Amino acid sequence: MPVALTMAGSDSGGGAGIQADLKTFAVLGVHGTSAITAITAQNTTGVTEILELPTSLIREQIAVVVDDIGVHAAKTGMLSSAAIIATVADAVERYGLGNLVVDPVMVAKGGAKLLRDDAVTAMRDLLMPLAAVVTPNLPEAQVLLGREITTLDERRRAARDLVAMGARSAVVKGGHAEGDVVDVFFDGRQLIELSAERIETPNTHGSGCVFSAAITAGIALGMEPLEAVRRAKTFITRAIASSIEIGHGHGPVNPWFAQRVGR
């Protein structure tokens, strides 16, 4: 069975982070492994506390998975500090994790900052050049590129510029724009727009995690990045349409939408 590794934070509410990644890997037929970078006290209304794990423990989690099980594709999520980013980047290079999806997580759905200001440079310089695919939403792309991105033309230029920064391909997500959700994919050769109807719901917690995890699963299964992104786009759209109404804030998307157990 193909193996995927997620290097991200834990969400105690189960809607995002490691928990969302592992659910997505499982439903898409990939064995999920993990290296937890931080523990969050989190629910549908927000994040109340964050504990970053020691970089030595993060490094060892990655090492034991690679040494024993092997990894066909990997992804990053919450990497809150420059030191954690450097640790993960070093491990990616050390173990040859070339099929890397970088989800540059910066802010939780409830508004809590998940990436320190001084870590943005490390994200740009150390992690972006290692990415097979980078998957920023519009606010994250604006931070990475240091400029405002509002129009579709600006999304197209952003995808090109992210590849120029070193990523082998980029998909700039359109969820924060108006109208239909148009994501822009660029791999240095082809510029592709992927469109889906916007689903009006407040329950989108974990959508970025599930999308990037679905891409990672596709790559682990042998897909090229564009094929994996196309499938992930369909997958996350259906997961949002089947989102779960729990809690008092932003409920989670549902990667288990197609699963039925029992009668």
Protein backbone atom coordinates (compact mmCIF):
# COMPACT_ATOMS: atom_id res chain seq x y z
CA MET A 1 0.00 0.00 0.00
CA PRO A 2 1.29 3.51 -0.78
CA VAL A 3 2.41 5.49 2.27
CA ALA A 4 1.95 9.22 2.88
CA LEU A 5 3.52 11.28 5.66
CA THR A 6 1.98 14.40 7.14
CA MET A 7 4.15 16.82 9.12
CA ALA A 8 1.68 19.15 10.81
CA GLY A 9 -0.06 20.21 13.98
CA SER A 10 -2.69 18.30 15.95
CA ASP A 11 -6.24 19.68 16.10
CA SER A 12 -8.04 18.51 19.24
CA GLY A 13 -11.38 19.22 17.55
CA GLY A 14 -10.55 16.70 14.82
CA GLY A 15 -11.41 18.99 11.91
CA ALA A 16 -8.02 20.06 10.59
CA GLY A 17 -4.33 19.29 10.89
CA ILE A 18 -3.02 15.79 11.47
CA GLN A 19 -6.50 14.42 12.12
CA ALA A 20 -7.93 15.71 8.84
CA ASP A 21 -4.88 14.56 6.90
CA LEU A 22 -5.04 10.99 8.23
CA LYS A 23 -8.78 10.73 7.54
CA THR A 24 -8.19 11.89 3.97
CA PHE A 25 -5.30 9.49 3.39
CA ALA A 26 -7.39 6.58 4.68
CA VAL A 27 -10.46 7.28 2.58
CA LEU A 28 -8.31 7.66 -0.56
CA GLY A 29 -6.58 4.32 -0.05
CA VAL A 30 -3.21 5.47 1.29
CA HIS A 31 -1.59 4.46 4.59
CA GLY A 32 -1.09 7.60 6.65
CA THR A 33 1.86 8.29 8.91
CA SER A 34 2.60 11.46 10.87
CA ALA A 35 5.15 13.71 12.47
CA ILE A 36 3.34 16.04 14.86
CA THR A 37 4.93 19.50 14.98
CA ALA A 38 2.63 21.14 17.55
CA ILE A 39 -0.32 20.36 19.77
CA THR A 40 -3.23 22.78 19.73
CA ALA A 41 -6.18 23.15 22.06
CA GLN A 42 -8.75 23.81 19.35
CA ASN A 43 -12.43 23.47 18.54
CA THR A 44 -14.82 24.90 15.94
CA THR A 45 -14.64 28.38 17.47
CA GLY A 46 -10.87 28.78 17.58
CA VAL A 47 -7.47 27.92 19.04
CA THR A 48 -6.90 28.60 22.72
CA GLU A 49 -3.39 27.24 23.23
CA ILE A 50 -0.43 25.97 21.19
CA LEU A 51 2.52 23.86 22.31
CA GLU A 52 5.32 23.43 19.78
CA LEU A 53 7.12 20.09 20.05
CA PRO A 54 10.92 19.97 20.34
CA THR A 55 12.64 19.88 16.97
CA SER A 56 14.55 16.77 18.07
CA LEU A 57 11.25 14.91 18.51
CA ILE A 58 9.92 16.16 15.17
CA ARG A 59 13.12 15.00 13.48
CA GLU A 60 12.91 11.57 15.14
CA GLN A 61 9.27 11.04 14.17
CA ILE A 62 10.19 11.57 10.53
CA ALA A 63 13.30 9.40 10.79
CA VAL A 64 11.64 6.33 12.28
CA VAL A 65 8.80 6.41 9.74
CA VAL A 66 11.16 6.72 6.78
CA ASP A 67 13.64 4.14 8.09
CA ASP A 68 11.06 1.44 8.78
CA ILE A 69 8.02 2.06 6.57
CA GLY A 70 9.13 4.32 3.75
CA VAL A 71 7.24 7.28 2.29
CA HIS A 72 5.83 7.67 -1.23
CA ALA A 73 4.66 11.26 -0.74
CA ALA A 74 4.68 13.77 2.10
CA LYS A 75 2.98 17.02 3.03
CA THR A 76 3.45 19.84 5.49
CA GLY A 77 0.83 21.73 7.43
CA MET A 78 1.35 23.81 10.55
CA LEU A 79 5.10 24.55 10.88
CA SER A 80 4.89 27.45 13.28
CA SER A 81 8.52 28.52 13.73
CA ALA A 82 11.65 29.02 11.65
CA ALA A 83 13.37 26.28 13.66
CA ILE A 84 10.61 23.77 12.90
CA ILE A 85 10.63 24.71 9.20
CA ALA A 86 14.41 24.26 9.09
CA THR A 87 14.11 20.87 10.80
CA VAL A 88 11.47 19.65 8.37
CA ALA A 89 13.35 21.01 5.33
CA ASP A 90 16.53 19.25 6.46
CA ALA A 91 14.65 15.96 6.89
CA VAL A 92 13.01 16.30 3.47
CA GLU A 93 16.44 16.69 1.86
CA ARG A 94 18.13 14.07 4.03
CA TYR A 95 15.56 11.38 3.20
CA GLY A 96 14.88 12.41 -0.38
CA LEU A 97 11.19 13.20 0.11
CA GLY A 98 10.85 14.73 -3.33
CA ASN A 99 7.09 14.22 -3.59
CA LEU A 100 6.40 17.02 -1.12
CA VAL A 101 3.19 19.03 -0.94
CA VAL A 102 3.61 22.28 1.00
CA ASP A 103 0.45 23.72 2.53
CA PRO A 104 1.77 27.04 3.93
CA VAL A 105 -0.61 27.17 6.91
CA MET A 106 -0.56 30.62 8.51
CA VAL A 107 -3.92 31.32 10.19
CA ALA A 108 -6.58 29.00 11.66
CA LYS A 109 -10.19 29.27 10.53
CA GLY A 110 -11.04 31.06 13.78
CA GLY A 111 -8.31 33.66 13.22
CA ALA A 112 -5.45 32.36 15.41
CA LYS A 113 -1.97 32.83 13.92
CA LEU A 114 -0.26 29.49 13.27
CA LEU A 115 2.94 30.83 11.70
CA ARG A 116 5.23 33.34 13.39
CA ASP A 117 6.12 36.46 11.43
CA ASP A 118 9.82 35.62 11.51
CA ALA A 119 9.13 32.17 10.02
CA VAL A 120 7.85 33.46 6.68
CA THR A 121 11.38 33.94 5.33
CA ALA A 122 12.28 30.38 6.32
CA MET A 123 9.15 29.15 4.54
CA ARG A 124 10.15 31.01 1.37
CA ASP A 125 13.85 30.15 1.43
CA LEU A 126 14.00 26.64 2.88
CA LEU A 127 10.73 24.88 2.12
CA MET A 128 9.37 26.36 -1.10
CA PRO A 129 12.31 25.15 -3.24
CA LEU A 130 11.61 21.59 -2.04
CA ALA A 131 7.92 21.56 -2.95
CA ALA A 132 6.51 19.44 -5.74
CA VAL A 133 3.27 21.36 -5.17
CA VAL A 134 2.58 24.41 -3.00
CA THR A 135 -1.08 25.13 -2.15
CA PRO A 136 -1.60 28.64 -0.71
CA ASN A 137 -4.96 30.33 -0.33
CA LEU A 138 -5.07 34.00 -1.32
CA PRO A 139 -4.01 35.47 2.07
CA GLU A 140 -1.10 32.98 2.26
CA ALA A 141 -0.02 33.74 -1.31
CA GLN A 142 -0.09 37.46 -0.48
CA VAL A 143 2.25 36.91 2.48
CA LEU A 144 4.62 34.67 0.52
CA LEU A 145 4.81 37.12 -2.39
CA GLY A 146 4.57 40.33 -0.39
CA ARG A 147 1.77 41.89 -2.41
CA GLU A 148 -2.01 42.05 -2.70
CA ILE A 149 -3.73 39.46 -4.88
CA THR A 150 -7.35 40.13 -5.78
CA THR A 151 -8.10 39.52 -9.47
CA LEU A 152 -7.91 36.30 -11.46
CA ASP A 153 -5.05 37.74 -13.48
CA GLU A 154 -3.18 38.39 -10.23
CA ARG A 155 -3.80 34.77 -9.20
CA ARG A 156 -2.30 33.63 -12.51
CA ARG A 157 0.76 35.78 -11.96
CA ALA A 158 1.02 34.55 -8.35
CA ALA A 159 1.09 30.91 -9.47
CA ARG A 160 3.88 31.71 -11.91
CA ASP A 161 5.86 33.64 -9.29
CA LEU A 162 5.57 30.85 -6.71
CA VAL A 163 7.11 28.47 -9.23
CA ALA A 164 9.81 31.06 -9.91
CA MET A 165 10.57 30.96 -6.16
CA GLY A 166 11.49 27.29 -6.50
CA ALA A 167 8.32 25.20 -6.20
CA ARG A 168 7.93 22.73 -9.09
CA SER A 169 4.22 23.56 -9.28
CA ALA A 170 1.74 25.80 -7.50
CA VAL A 171 -2.01 25.95 -7.08
CA VAL A 172 -3.33 29.30 -5.87
CA LYS A 173 -6.73 28.65 -4.35
CA GLY A 174 -9.68 30.93 -5.01
CA GLY A 175 -11.79 30.24 -1.94
CA HIS A 176 -11.28 33.75 -0.57
CA ALA A 177 -12.33 35.43 -3.83
CA GLU A 178 -15.86 36.17 -5.03
CA GLY A 179 -18.02 34.00 -7.28
CA ASP A 180 -17.16 30.48 -8.35
CA VAL A 181 -14.07 29.01 -6.72
CA VAL A 182 -11.34 29.19 -9.39
CA ASP A 183 -7.97 27.71 -8.46
CA VAL A 184 -4.98 28.46 -10.70
CA PHE A 185 -2.40 25.71 -11.30
CA PHE A 186 1.01 26.30 -12.89
CA ASP A 187 3.90 23.85 -13.28
CA GLY A 188 6.35 25.90 -15.30
CA ARG A 189 4.76 24.84 -18.60
CA GLN A 190 0.99 24.90 -18.40
CA LEU A 191 -1.37 27.31 -16.68
CA ILE A 192 -4.66 25.61 -15.82
CA GLU A 193 -7.77 27.05 -14.17
CA LEU A 194 -9.86 24.65 -12.08
CA SER A 195 -13.36 25.91 -11.32
CA ALA A 196 -16.10 24.69 -8.99
CA GLU A 197 -19.38 26.16 -7.83
CA ARG A 198 -19.11 27.94 -4.48
CA ILE A 199 -20.91 26.13 -1.67
CA GLU A 200 -22.44 28.56 0.79
CA THR A 201 -21.64 27.16 4.23
CA PRO A 202 -19.73 28.34 7.30
CA ASN A 203 -18.49 24.79 7.82
CA THR A 204 -15.19 24.84 5.98
CA HIS A 205 -12.80 24.08 8.85
CA GLY A 206 -9.96 21.90 7.59
CA SER A 207 -10.65 22.52 3.91
CA GLY A 208 -7.04 23.47 3.13
CA CYS A 209 -5.70 20.46 5.01
CA VAL A 210 -8.03 18.03 3.28
CA PHE A 211 -7.28 19.52 -0.15
CA SER A 212 -3.51 19.29 0.28
CA ALA A 213 -3.79 15.81 1.83
CA ALA A 214 -5.85 14.66 -1.14
CA ILE A 215 -3.13 15.94 -3.49
CA THR A 216 -0.51 14.10 -1.43
CA ALA A 217 -2.53 10.88 -1.56
CA GLY A 218 -2.85 11.18 -5.32
CA ILE A 219 0.88 11.63 -5.76
CA ALA A 220 1.55 8.67 -3.43
CA LEU A 221 -0.69 6.62 -5.71
CA GLY A 222 1.46 7.55 -8.71
CA MET A 223 -0.42 10.51 -10.17
CA GLU A 224 1.31 13.47 -11.74
CA PRO A 225 0.73 16.75 -9.82
CA LEU A 226 -1.92 18.14 -12.18
CA GLU A 227 -3.94 14.91 -12.09
CA ALA A 228 -3.64 14.81 -8.29
CA VAL A 229 -4.75 18.45 -8.02
CA ARG A 230 -7.73 17.87 -10.31
CA ARG A 231 -8.91 14.92 -8.25
CA ALA A 232 -8.32 16.80 -5.00
CA LYS A 233 -10.40 19.73 -6.30
CA THR A 234 -13.37 17.42 -6.89
CA PHE A 235 -12.78 15.70 -3.55
CA ILE A 236 -12.69 18.87 -1.44
CA THR A 237 -15.74 20.30 -3.21
CA ARG A 238 -17.73 17.21 -2.24
CA ALA A 239 -16.27 17.23 1.28
CA ILE A 240 -17.44 20.84 1.74
CA ALA A 241 -20.87 20.00 0.33
CA SER A 242 -21.08 17.21 2.94
CA SER A 243 -19.62 19.30 5.80
CA ILE A 244 -20.54 18.46 9.37
CA GLU A 245 -22.79 20.65 11.51
CA ILE A 246 -21.14 20.36 14.93
CA GLY A 247 -19.95 22.85 17.53
CA HIS A 248 -20.73 26.53 17.75
CA GLY A 249 -18.33 27.89 15.13
CA HIS A 250 -16.93 26.67 11.82
CA GLY A 251 -17.77 22.98 11.50
CA PRO A 252 -15.38 20.68 9.62
CA VAL A 253 -15.49 19.50 6.05
CA ASN A 254 -16.21 15.80 5.70
CA PRO A 255 -13.61 13.63 3.89
CA TRP A 256 -15.74 10.58 4.75
CA PHE A 257 -18.63 11.77 2.56
CA ALA A 258 -18.64 8.62 0.40
CA GLN A 259 -18.31 6.11 3.23
CA ARG A 260 -21.21 4.16 4.68
CA VAL A 261 -20.74 1.58 7.42
CA GLY A 262 -23.46 -0.98 8.20
CA ARG A 263 -26.95 -0.90 6.76
